[in-house]
Amino acid sequence: ALARGGLAGAVVVVVKDGQVILAKGYGYADRAKGRPMDAARTV
C-alpha cells in the first residue's frame, strides 16, 4: 500500500488484553536520509 499510494511511511500498533502484540514501523520517516519509521522512537 505504501508503494502503490506513494506514501512515505506508516506505524501500526495492535494491543490485546492489556498487551502490545504489534508495534511496527514501515517505510521512512525521512526519505532523503533513509531514516526508517520506528514505532517506539519516531514522532
Full PDB file with SEQRES, HELIX, SHEET, SSBOND, CRYST1, ORIGX, SCALE, CONECT and MASTER records, all heavy atoms in Angstrom:
SEQRES   1 A   43  ALA LEU ALA ARG GLY GLY LEU ALA GLY ALA VAL VAL VAL          
SEQRES   2 A   43  VAL VAL LYS ASP GLY GLN VAL ILE LEU ALA LYS GLY TYR          
SEQRES   3 A   43  GLY TYR ALA ASP ARG ALA LYS GLY ARG PRO MET ASP ALA          
SEQRES   4 A   43  ALA ARG THR VAL                                              
HELIX    1 AA1 LEU A    2  GLY A    5  1                                   4    
SHEET    1 AA1 3 GLY A   9  LYS A  16  0                                        
SHEET    2 AA1 3 GLN A  19  ASP A  30 -1                                        
SHEET    3 AA1 3 ARG A  35  PRO A  36 -1                                        
CRYST1    1.000    1.000    1.000  90.00  90.00  90.00 P 1           1          
ORIGX1      1.000000  0.000000  0.000000        0.00000                         
ORIGX2      0.000000  1.000000  0.000000        0.00000                         
ORIGX3      0.000000  0.000000  1.000000        0.00000                         
SCALE1      1.000000  0.000000  0.000000        0.00000                         
SCALE2      0.000000  1.000000  0.000000        0.00000                         
SCALE3      0.000000  0.000000  1.000000        0.00000                         
ATOM      1  N   ALA A   1       0.828  -1.207   0.000  1.00  0.00           N  
ATOM      2  CA  ALA A   1       0.000   0.000   0.000  1.00  0.00           C  
ATOM      3  C   ALA A   1       0.863   1.258   0.000  1.00  0.00           C  
ATOM      4  O   ALA A   1       0.524   2.257  -0.639  1.00  0.00           O  
ATOM      5  CB  ALA A   1      -0.930  -0.003   1.213  1.00  0.00           C  
ATOM      6  N   LEU A   2       1.996   1.226   0.706  1.00  0.00           N  
ATOM      7  CA  LEU A   2       2.906   2.366   0.699  1.00  0.00           C  
ATOM      8  C   LEU A   2       3.423   2.625  -0.713  1.00  0.00           C  
ATOM      9  O   LEU A   2       3.437   3.768  -1.188  1.00  0.00           O  
ATOM     10  CB  LEU A   2       4.081   2.122   1.645  1.00  0.00           C  
ATOM     11  CG  LEU A   2       3.794   2.040   3.147  1.00  0.00           C  
ATOM     12  CD1 LEU A   2       5.089   1.791   3.916  1.00  0.00           C  
ATOM     13  CD2 LEU A   2       3.126   3.297   3.651  1.00  0.00           C  
ATOM     14  N   ALA A   3       3.857   1.569  -1.365  1.00  0.00           N  
ATOM     15  CA  ALA A   3       4.408   1.720  -2.709  1.00  0.00           C  
ATOM     16  C   ALA A   3       3.337   2.165  -3.702  1.00  0.00           C  
ATOM     17  O   ALA A   3       3.570   3.049  -4.536  1.00  0.00           O  
ATOM     18  CB  ALA A   3       5.043   0.401  -3.154  1.00  0.00           C  
ATOM     19  N   ARG A   4       2.158   1.571  -3.598  1.00  0.00           N  
ATOM     20  CA  ARG A   4       1.077   1.881  -4.535  1.00  0.00           C  
ATOM     21  C   ARG A   4       0.572   3.316  -4.386  1.00  0.00           C  
ATOM     22  O   ARG A   4       0.235   3.977  -5.364  1.00  0.00           O  
ATOM     23  CB  ARG A   4      -0.060   0.879  -4.316  1.00  0.00           C  
ATOM     24  CG  ARG A   4      -1.200   0.985  -5.320  1.00  0.00           C  
ATOM     25  CD  ARG A   4      -2.171  -0.180  -5.149  1.00  0.00           C  
ATOM     26  NE  ARG A   4      -2.754  -0.225  -3.822  1.00  0.00           N  
ATOM     27  CZ  ARG A   4      -2.473  -1.153  -2.904  1.00  0.00           C  
ATOM     28  NH1 ARG A   4      -1.591  -2.110  -3.173  1.00  0.00           N  
ATOM     29  NH2 ARG A   4      -3.048  -1.147  -1.708  1.00  0.00           N  
ATOM     30  N   GLY A   5       0.519   3.806  -3.142  1.00  0.00           N  
ATOM     31  CA  GLY A   5      -0.049   5.128  -2.906  1.00  0.00           C  
ATOM     32  C   GLY A   5       0.963   6.246  -2.818  1.00  0.00           C  
ATOM     33  O   GLY A   5       0.591   7.389  -2.539  1.00  0.00           O  
ATOM     34  N   GLY A   6       2.250   5.956  -3.036  1.00  0.00           N  
ATOM     35  CA  GLY A   6       3.259   6.992  -2.934  1.00  0.00           C  
ATOM     36  C   GLY A   6       3.438   7.499  -1.513  1.00  0.00           C  
ATOM     37  O   GLY A   6       3.793   8.658  -1.299  1.00  0.00           O  
ATOM     38  N   LEU A   7       3.206   6.628  -0.526  1.00  0.00           N  
ATOM     39  CA  LEU A   7       3.289   7.002   0.881  1.00  0.00           C  
ATOM     40  C   LEU A   7       4.716   6.824   1.392  1.00  0.00           C  
ATOM     41  O   LEU A   7       5.427   5.910   0.974  1.00  0.00           O  
ATOM     42  CB  LEU A   7       2.340   6.141   1.707  1.00  0.00           C  
ATOM     43  CG  LEU A   7       0.859   6.257   1.321  1.00  0.00           C  
ATOM     44  CD1 LEU A   7       0.064   5.091   1.889  1.00  0.00           C  
ATOM     45  CD2 LEU A   7       0.288   7.576   1.815  1.00  0.00           C  
ATOM     46  N   ALA A   8       5.117   7.714   2.311  1.00  0.00           N  
ATOM     47  CA  ALA A   8       6.481   7.642   2.833  1.00  0.00           C  
ATOM     48  C   ALA A   8       6.624   6.545   3.879  1.00  0.00           C  
ATOM     49  O   ALA A   8       7.575   5.765   3.851  1.00  0.00           O  
ATOM     50  CB  ALA A   8       6.882   8.990   3.428  1.00  0.00           C  
ATOM     51  N   GLY A   9       5.689   6.487   4.837  1.00  0.00           N  
ATOM     52  CA  GLY A   9       5.818   5.513   5.907  1.00  0.00           C  
ATOM     53  C   GLY A   9       4.548   5.348   6.691  1.00  0.00           C  
ATOM     54  O   GLY A   9       3.579   6.093   6.496  1.00  0.00           O  
ATOM     55  N   ALA A  10       4.557   4.376   7.589  1.00  0.00           N  
ATOM     56  CA  ALA A  10       3.383   4.099   8.408  1.00  0.00           C  
ATOM     57  C   ALA A  10       3.818   3.457   9.713  1.00  0.00           C  
ATOM     58  O   ALA A  10       4.882   2.830   9.797  1.00  0.00           O  
ATOM     59  CB  ALA A  10       2.409   3.169   7.672  1.00  0.00           C  
ATOM     60  N   VAL A  11       2.982   3.635  10.726  1.00  0.00           N  
ATOM     61  CA  VAL A  11       3.153   2.971  12.014  1.00  0.00           C  
ATOM     62  C   VAL A  11       1.876   2.207  12.305  1.00  0.00           C  
ATOM     63  O   VAL A  11       0.771   2.747  12.156  1.00  0.00           O  
ATOM     64  CB  VAL A  11       3.433   3.984  13.135  1.00  0.00           C  
ATOM     65  CG1 VAL A  11       3.357   3.313  14.497  1.00  0.00           C  
ATOM     66  CG2 VAL A  11       4.801   4.627  12.953  1.00  0.00           C  
ATOM     67  N   VAL A  12       2.001   0.947  12.693  1.00  0.00           N  
ATOM     68  CA  VAL A  12       0.850   0.099  13.008  1.00  0.00           C  
ATOM     69  C   VAL A  12       1.031  -0.453  14.421  1.00  0.00           C  
ATOM     70  O   VAL A  12       2.088  -1.010  14.740  1.00  0.00           O  
ATOM     71  CB  VAL A  12       0.707  -1.063  12.004  1.00  0.00           C  
ATOM     72  CG1 VAL A  12      -0.489  -1.937  12.371  1.00  0.00           C  
ATOM     73  CG2 VAL A  12       0.568  -0.533  10.582  1.00  0.00           C  
ATOM     74  N   VAL A  13       0.008  -0.288  15.260  1.00  0.00           N  
ATOM     75  CA  VAL A  13       0.055  -0.760  16.642  1.00  0.00           C  
ATOM     76  C   VAL A  13      -1.227  -1.533  16.938  1.00  0.00           C  
ATOM     77  O   VAL A  13      -2.327  -1.054  16.624  1.00  0.00           O  
ATOM     78  CB  VAL A  13       0.194   0.406  17.637  1.00  0.00           C  
ATOM     79  CG1 VAL A  13       0.227  -0.115  19.066  1.00  0.00           C  
ATOM     80  CG2 VAL A  13       1.436   1.227  17.331  1.00  0.00           C  
ATOM     81  N   VAL A  14      -1.092  -2.711  17.535  1.00  0.00           N  
ATOM     82  CA  VAL A  14      -2.247  -3.516  17.934  1.00  0.00           C  
ATOM     83  C   VAL A  14      -2.033  -3.952  19.377  1.00  0.00           C  
ATOM     84  O   VAL A  14      -0.950  -4.456  19.731  1.00  0.00           O  
ATOM     85  CB  VAL A  14      -2.429  -4.752  17.030  1.00  0.00           C  
ATOM     86  CG1 VAL A  14      -3.652  -5.562  17.470  1.00  0.00           C  
ATOM     87  CG2 VAL A  14      -2.562  -4.343  15.568  1.00  0.00           C  
ATOM     88  N   VAL A  15      -3.043  -3.755  20.212  1.00  0.00           N  
ATOM     89  CA  VAL A  15      -2.988  -4.220  21.605  1.00  0.00           C  
ATOM     90  C   VAL A  15      -4.155  -5.174  21.839  1.00  0.00           C  
ATOM     91  O   VAL A  15      -5.218  -5.037  21.240  1.00  0.00           O  
ATOM     92  CB  VAL A  15      -3.039  -3.047  22.605  1.00  0.00           C  
ATOM     93  CG1 VAL A  15      -1.870  -2.110  22.394  1.00  0.00           C  
ATOM     94  CG2 VAL A  15      -4.354  -2.290  22.513  1.00  0.00           C  
ATOM     95  N   LYS A  16      -3.934  -6.150  22.725  1.00  0.00           N  
ATOM     96  CA  LYS A  16      -4.964  -7.134  23.045  1.00  0.00           C  
ATOM     97  C   LYS A  16      -4.771  -7.589  24.485  1.00  0.00           C  
ATOM     98  O   LYS A  16      -3.657  -7.951  24.885  1.00  0.00           O  
ATOM     99  CB  LYS A  16      -4.871  -8.345  22.108  1.00  0.00           C  
ATOM    100  CG  LYS A  16      -5.913  -9.431  22.362  1.00  0.00           C  
ATOM    101  CD  LYS A  16      -7.275  -9.030  21.807  1.00  0.00           C  
ATOM    102  CE  LYS A  16      -8.263 -10.195  21.795  1.00  0.00           C  
ATOM    103  NZ  LYS A  16      -8.764 -10.544  23.133  1.00  0.00           N  
ATOM    104  N   ASP A  17      -5.851  -7.524  25.265  1.00  0.00           N  
ATOM    105  CA  ASP A  17      -5.822  -7.997  26.652  1.00  0.00           C  
ATOM    106  C   ASP A  17      -4.695  -7.347  27.458  1.00  0.00           C  
ATOM    107  O   ASP A  17      -3.988  -8.006  28.228  1.00  0.00           O  
ATOM    108  CB  ASP A  17      -5.683  -9.521  26.690  1.00  0.00           C  
ATOM    109  CG  ASP A  17      -6.878 -10.221  26.050  1.00  0.00           C  
ATOM    110  OD1 ASP A  17      -7.997  -9.698  26.182  1.00  0.00           O  
ATOM    111  OD2 ASP A  17      -6.679 -11.264  25.407  1.00  0.00           O  
ATOM    112  N   GLY A  18      -4.512  -6.045  27.242  1.00  0.00           N  
ATOM    113  CA  GLY A  18      -3.534  -5.305  28.018  1.00  0.00           C  
ATOM    114  C   GLY A  18      -2.098  -5.460  27.569  1.00  0.00           C  
ATOM    115  O   GLY A  18      -1.183  -4.951  28.224  1.00  0.00           O  
ATOM    116  N   GLN A  19      -1.864  -6.159  26.452  1.00  0.00           N  
ATOM    117  CA  GLN A  19      -0.512  -6.383  25.959  1.00  0.00           C  
ATOM    118  C   GLN A  19      -0.373  -5.850  24.540  1.00  0.00           C  
ATOM    119  O   GLN A  19      -1.333  -5.846  23.756  1.00  0.00           O  
ATOM    120  CB  GLN A  19      -0.171  -7.886  25.966  1.00  0.00           C  
ATOM    121  CG  GLN A  19      -0.276  -8.540  27.330  1.00  0.00           C  
ATOM    122  CD  GLN A  19       0.725  -7.979  28.324  1.00  0.00           C  
ATOM    123  OE1 GLN A  19       1.870  -7.713  27.976  1.00  0.00           O  
ATOM    124  NE2 GLN A  19       0.294  -7.803  29.568  1.00  0.00           N  
ATOM    125  N   VAL A  20       0.821  -5.405  24.203  1.00  0.00           N  
ATOM    126  CA  VAL A  20       1.119  -4.968  22.832  1.00  0.00           C  
ATOM    127  C   VAL A  20       1.496  -6.210  22.028  1.00  0.00           C  
ATOM    128  O   VAL A  20       2.482  -6.885  22.346  1.00  0.00           O  
ATOM    129  CB  VAL A  20       2.274  -3.956  22.808  1.00  0.00           C  
ATOM    130  CG1 VAL A  20       2.586  -3.545  21.370  1.00  0.00           C  
ATOM    131  CG2 VAL A  20       1.934  -2.738  23.651  1.00  0.00           C  
ATOM    132  N   ILE A  21       0.707  -6.516  21.013  1.00  0.00           N  
ATOM    133  CA  ILE A  21       1.031  -7.686  20.190  1.00  0.00           C  
ATOM    134  C   ILE A  21       1.652  -7.287  18.855  1.00  0.00           C  
ATOM    135  O   ILE A  21       2.181  -8.135  18.144  1.00  0.00           O  
ATOM    136  CB  ILE A  21      -0.202  -8.589  19.974  1.00  0.00           C  
ATOM    137  CG1 ILE A  21      -1.308  -7.866  19.214  1.00  0.00           C  
ATOM    138  CG2 ILE A  21      -0.720  -9.105  21.307  1.00  0.00           C  
ATOM    139  CD1 ILE A  21      -2.470  -8.779  18.854  1.00  0.00           C  
ATOM    140  N   LEU A  22       1.577  -5.986  18.509  1.00  0.00           N  
ATOM    141  CA  LEU A  22       2.279  -5.499  17.323  1.00  0.00           C  
ATOM    142  C   LEU A  22       2.510  -4.006  17.489  1.00  0.00           C  
ATOM    143  O   LEU A  22       1.582  -3.261  17.798  1.00  0.00           O  
ATOM    144  CB  LEU A  22       1.471  -5.760  16.045  1.00  0.00           C  
ATOM    145  CG  LEU A  22       2.098  -5.203  14.754  1.00  0.00           C  
ATOM    146  CD1 LEU A  22       3.414  -5.929  14.440  1.00  0.00           C  
ATOM    147  CD2 LEU A  22       1.148  -5.323  13.571  1.00  0.00           C  
ATOM    148  N   ALA A  23       3.748  -3.561  17.294  1.00  0.00           N  
ATOM    149  CA  ALA A  23       4.105  -2.142  17.243  1.00  0.00           C  
ATOM    150  C   ALA A  23       5.243  -2.043  16.239  1.00  0.00           C  
ATOM    151  O   ALA A  23       6.394  -2.346  16.562  1.00  0.00           O  
ATOM    152  CB  ALA A  23       4.520  -1.617  18.609  1.00  0.00           C  
ATOM    153  N   LYS A  24       4.927  -1.650  15.025  1.00  0.00           N  
ATOM    154  CA  LYS A  24       5.908  -1.767  13.947  1.00  0.00           C  
ATOM    155  C   LYS A  24       5.822  -0.575  13.007  1.00  0.00           C  
ATOM    156  O   LYS A  24       4.740  -0.069  12.713  1.00  0.00           O  
ATOM    157  CB  LYS A  24       5.657  -3.070  13.168  1.00  0.00           C  
ATOM    158  CG  LYS A  24       6.748  -3.416  12.161  1.00  0.00           C  
ATOM    159  CD  LYS A  24       6.550  -4.818  11.607  1.00  0.00           C  
ATOM    160  CE  LYS A  24       7.666  -5.222  10.666  1.00  0.00           C  
ATOM    161  NZ  LYS A  24       7.513  -6.611  10.180  1.00  0.00           N  
ATOM    162  N   GLY A  25       6.987  -0.134  12.548  1.00  0.00           N  
ATOM    163  CA  GLY A  25       7.052   0.926  11.550  1.00  0.00           C  
ATOM    164  C   GLY A  25       7.348   0.362  10.180  1.00  0.00           C  
ATOM    165  O   GLY A  25       8.037  -0.663  10.042  1.00  0.00           O  
ATOM    166  N   TYR A  26       6.832   1.033   9.165  1.00  0.00           N  
ATOM    167  CA  TYR A  26       7.055   0.633   7.769  1.00  0.00           C  
ATOM    168  C   TYR A  26       7.484   1.870   6.979  1.00  0.00           C  
ATOM    169  O   TYR A  26       6.990   2.977   7.225  1.00  0.00           O  
ATOM    170  CB  TYR A  26       5.777   0.068   7.152  1.00  0.00           C  
ATOM    171  CG  TYR A  26       5.260  -1.192   7.807  1.00  0.00           C  
ATOM    172  CD1 TYR A  26       4.434  -1.115   8.924  1.00  0.00           C  
ATOM    173  CD2 TYR A  26       5.589  -2.445   7.317  1.00  0.00           C  
ATOM    174  CE1 TYR A  26       3.944  -2.268   9.535  1.00  0.00           C  
ATOM    175  CE2 TYR A  26       5.110  -3.607   7.911  1.00  0.00           C  
ATOM    176  CZ  TYR A  26       4.280  -3.512   9.019  1.00  0.00           C  
ATOM    177  OH  TYR A  26       3.795  -4.648   9.617  1.00  0.00           O  
ATOM    178  N   GLY A  27       8.372   1.703   6.024  1.00  0.00           N  
ATOM    179  CA  GLY A  27       8.782   2.823   5.190  1.00  0.00           C  
ATOM    180  C   GLY A  27       9.693   3.777   5.939  1.00  0.00           C  
ATOM    181  O   GLY A  27      10.427   3.383   6.854  1.00  0.00           O  
ATOM    182  N   TYR A  28       9.628   5.062   5.542  1.00  0.00           N  
ATOM    183  CA  TYR A  28      10.602   6.033   6.008  1.00  0.00           C  
ATOM    184  C   TYR A  28       9.967   7.195   6.753  1.00  0.00           C  
ATOM    185  O   TYR A  28       8.919   7.714   6.369  1.00  0.00           O  
ATOM    186  CB  TYR A  28      11.402   6.581   4.821  1.00  0.00           C  
ATOM    187  CG  TYR A  28      12.238   5.531   4.129  1.00  0.00           C  
ATOM    188  CD1 TYR A  28      11.803   4.953   2.934  1.00  0.00           C  
ATOM    189  CD2 TYR A  28      13.433   5.108   4.677  1.00  0.00           C  
ATOM    190  CE1 TYR A  28      12.552   3.980   2.301  1.00  0.00           C  
ATOM    191  CE2 TYR A  28      14.203   4.127   4.058  1.00  0.00           C  
ATOM    192  CZ  TYR A  28      13.754   3.566   2.869  1.00  0.00           C  
ATOM    193  OH  TYR A  28      14.505   2.600   2.262  1.00  0.00           O  
ATOM    194  N   ALA A  29      10.677   7.632   7.811  1.00  0.00           N  
ATOM    195  CA  ALA A  29      10.335   8.873   8.488  1.00  0.00           C  
ATOM    196  C   ALA A  29      11.015  10.056   7.807  1.00  0.00           C  
ATOM    197  O   ALA A  29      10.558  11.189   7.912  1.00  0.00           O  
ATOM    198  CB  ALA A  29      10.751   8.808   9.953  1.00  0.00           C  
ATOM    199  N   ASP A  30      12.132   9.793   7.123  1.00  0.00           N  
ATOM    200  CA  ASP A  30      12.856  10.810   6.359  1.00  0.00           C  
ATOM    201  C   ASP A  30      13.397  10.126   5.115  1.00  0.00           C  
ATOM    202  O   ASP A  30      14.348   9.333   5.190  1.00  0.00           O  
ATOM    203  CB  ASP A  30      13.987  11.398   7.210  1.00  0.00           C  
ATOM    204  CG  ASP A  30      14.718  12.538   6.502  1.00  0.00           C  
ATOM    205  OD1 ASP A  30      14.705  12.587   5.263  1.00  0.00           O  
ATOM    206  OD2 ASP A  30      15.307  13.375   7.213  1.00  0.00           O  
ATOM    207  N   ARG A  31      12.787  10.405   3.974  1.00  0.00           N  
ATOM    208  CA  ARG A  31      13.191   9.730   2.744  1.00  0.00           C  
ATOM    209  C   ARG A  31      14.626  10.078   2.358  1.00  0.00           C  
ATOM    210  O   ARG A  31      15.403   9.211   1.942  1.00  0.00           O  
ATOM    211  CB  ARG A  31      12.246  10.127   1.612  1.00  0.00           C  
ATOM    212  CG  ARG A  31      10.949   9.347   1.590  1.00  0.00           C  
ATOM    213  CD  ARG A  31      10.037   9.896   0.516  1.00  0.00           C  
ATOM    214  NE  ARG A  31       8.916   9.010   0.241  1.00  0.00           N  
ATOM    215  CZ  ARG A  31       7.811   9.391  -0.379  1.00  0.00           C  
ATOM    216  NH1 ARG A  31       7.684  10.634  -0.774  1.00  0.00           N  
ATOM    217  NH2 ARG A  31       6.837   8.528  -0.591  1.00  0.00           N  
ATOM    218  N   ALA A  32      14.978  11.354   2.453  1.00  0.00           N  
ATOM    219  CA  ALA A  32      16.288  11.800   1.987  1.00  0.00           C  
ATOM    220  C   ALA A  32      17.417  11.127   2.768  1.00  0.00           C  
ATOM    221  O   ALA A  32      18.441  10.738   2.197  1.00  0.00           O  
ATOM    222  CB  ALA A  32      16.395  13.320   2.102  1.00  0.00           C  
ATOM    223  N   LYS A  33      17.241  10.975   4.070  1.00  0.00           N  
ATOM    224  CA  LYS A  33      18.279  10.377   4.912  1.00  0.00           C  
ATOM    225  C   LYS A  33      18.102   8.873   5.084  1.00  0.00           C  
ATOM    226  O   LYS A  33      18.954   8.217   5.701  1.00  0.00           O  
ATOM    227  CB  LYS A  33      18.284  11.048   6.281  1.00  0.00           C  
ATOM    228  CG  LYS A  33      18.663  12.521   6.230  1.00  0.00           C  
ATOM    229  CD  LYS A  33      18.673  13.127   7.631  1.00  0.00           C  
ATOM    230  CE  LYS A  33      19.092  14.586   7.583  1.00  0.00           C  
ATOM    231  NZ  LYS A  33      19.099  15.212   8.937  1.00  0.00           N  
ATOM    232  N   GLY A  34      17.005   8.333   4.566  1.00  0.00           N  
ATOM    233  CA  GLY A  34      16.765   6.907   4.725  1.00  0.00           C  
ATOM    234  C   GLY A  34      16.448   6.508   6.146  1.00  0.00           C  
ATOM    235  O   GLY A  34      16.627   5.339   6.520  1.00  0.00           O  
ATOM    236  N   ARG A  35      15.959   7.463   6.954  1.00  0.00           N  
ATOM    237  CA  ARG A  35      15.633   7.154   8.353  1.00  0.00           C  
ATOM    238  C   ARG A  35      14.319   6.385   8.398  1.00  0.00           C  
ATOM    239  O   ARG A  35      13.292   6.882   7.935  1.00  0.00           O  
ATOM    240  CB  ARG A  35      15.528   8.447   9.159  1.00  0.00           C  
ATOM    241  CG  ARG A  35      15.107   8.255  10.605  1.00  0.00           C  
ATOM    242  CD  ARG A  35      15.451   9.479  11.459  1.00  0.00           C  
ATOM    243  NE  ARG A  35      14.901  10.702  10.927  1.00  0.00           N  
ATOM    244  CZ  ARG A  35      13.725  11.215  11.281  1.00  0.00           C  
ATOM    245  NH1 ARG A  35      12.961  10.578  12.160  1.00  0.00           N  
ATOM    246  NH2 ARG A  35      13.319  12.350  10.766  1.00  0.00           N  
ATOM    247  N   PRO A  36      14.300   5.177   8.955  1.00  0.00           N  
ATOM    248  CA  PRO A  36      13.086   4.353   8.912  1.00  0.00           C  
ATOM    249  C   PRO A  36      12.057   4.793   9.948  1.00  0.00           C  
ATOM    250  O   PRO A  36      12.389   5.430  10.955  1.00  0.00           O  
ATOM    251  CB  PRO A  36      13.599   2.954   9.226  1.00  0.00           C  
ATOM    252  CG  PRO A  36      14.801   3.196  10.084  1.00  0.00           C  
ATOM    253  CD  PRO A  36      15.429   4.464   9.575  1.00  0.00           C  
ATOM    254  N   MET A  37      10.831   4.433   9.697  1.00  0.00           N  
ATOM    255  CA  MET A  37       9.770   4.596  10.691  1.00  0.00           C  
ATOM    256  C   MET A  37       9.996   3.590  11.815  1.00  0.00           C  
ATOM    257  O   MET A  37      10.212   2.406  11.558  1.00  0.00           O  
ATOM    258  CB  MET A  37       8.394   4.350  10.069  1.00  0.00           C  
ATOM    259  CG  MET A  37       7.798   5.554   9.380  1.00  0.00           C  
ATOM    260  SD  MET A  37       7.125   6.721  10.572  1.00  0.00           S  
ATOM    261  CE  MET A  37       6.047   7.688   9.505  1.00  0.00           C  
ATOM    262  N   ASP A  38       9.930   4.083  13.047  1.00  0.00           N  
ATOM    263  CA  ASP A  38      10.148   3.241  14.219  1.00  0.00           C  
ATOM    264  C   ASP A  38       8.983   3.478  15.176  1.00  0.00           C  
ATOM    265  O   ASP A  38       8.765   4.606  15.620  1.00  0.00           O  
ATOM    266  CB  ASP A  38      11.478   3.599  14.881  1.00  0.00           C  
ATOM    267  CG  ASP A  38      11.843   2.679  16.034  1.00  0.00           C  
ATOM    268  OD1 ASP A  38      10.941   2.321  16.830  1.00  0.00           O  
ATOM    269  OD2 ASP A  38      13.021   2.331  16.159  1.00  0.00           O  
ATOM    270  N   ALA A  39       8.225   2.439  15.484  1.00  0.00           N  
ATOM    271  CA  ALA A  39       7.028   2.603  16.309  1.00  0.00           C  
ATOM    272  C   ALA A  39       7.345   3.116  17.703  1.00  0.00           C  
ATOM    273  O   ALA A  39       6.515   3.777  18.330  1.00  0.00           O  
ATOM    274  CB  ALA A  39       6.269   1.280  16.401  1.00  0.00           C  
ATOM    275  N   ALA A  40       8.545   2.836  18.206  1.00  0.00           N  
ATOM    276  CA  ALA A  40       8.896   3.263  19.557  1.00  0.00           C  
ATOM    277  C   ALA A  40       9.567   4.628  19.587  1.00  0.00           C  
ATOM    278  O   ALA A  40       9.488   5.337  20.587  1.00  0.00           O  
ATOM    279  CB  ALA A  40       9.819   2.235  20.205  1.00  0.00           C  
ATOM    280  N   ARG A  41      10.195   5.031  18.490  1.00  0.00           N  
ATOM    281  CA  ARG A  41      11.013   6.244  18.508  1.00  0.00           C  
ATOM    282  C   ARG A  41      10.455   7.372  17.642  1.00  0.00           C  
ATOM    283  O   ARG A  41      10.490   8.545  18.029  1.00  0.00           O  
ATOM    284  CB  ARG A  41      12.435   5.905  18.060  1.00  0.00           C  
ATOM    285  CG  ARG A  41      13.388   7.080  18.166  1.00  0.00           C  
ATOM    286  CD  ARG A  41      14.815   6.666  17.822  1.00  0.00           C  
ATOM    287  NE  ARG A  41      15.736   7.785  18.010  1.00  0.00           N  
ATOM    288  CZ  ARG A  41      16.315   8.101  19.154  1.00  0.00           C  
ATOM    289  NH1 ARG A  41      16.077   7.362  20.227  1.00  0.00           N  
ATOM    290  NH2 ARG A  41      17.141   9.127  19.248  1.00  0.00           N  
ATOM    291  N   THR A  42       9.954   7.050  16.463  1.00  0.00           N  
ATOM    292  CA  THR A  42       9.538   8.084  15.515  1.00  0.00           C  
ATOM    293  C   THR A  42       8.324   8.845  16.031  1.00  0.00           C  
ATOM    294  O   THR A  42       7.313   8.245  16.403  1.00  0.00           O  
ATOM    295  CB  THR A  42       9.213   7.466  14.148  1.00  0.00           C  
ATOM    296  OG1 THR A  42      10.357   6.751  13.668  1.00  0.00           O  
ATOM    297  CG2 THR A  42       8.838   8.549  13.146  1.00  0.00           C  
ATOM    298  N   VAL A  43       8.409  10.164  16.013  1.00  0.00           N  
ATOM    299  CA  VAL A  43       7.320  11.024  16.465  1.00  0.00           C  
ATOM    300  C   VAL A  43       6.411  11.332  15.287  1.00  0.00           C  
ATOM    301  O   VAL A  43       6.867  11.807  14.239  1.00  0.00           O  
ATOM    302  CB  VAL A  43       7.867  12.332  17.069  1.00  0.00           C  
ATOM    303  CG1 VAL A  43       6.728  13.273  17.453  1.00  0.00           C  
ATOM    304  CG2 VAL A  43       8.740  12.029  18.276  1.00  0.00           C  
TER     305      VAL A  43                                                      
MASTER        0    0    0    1    3    0    0    6  304    1    0    4          
END                                                                             
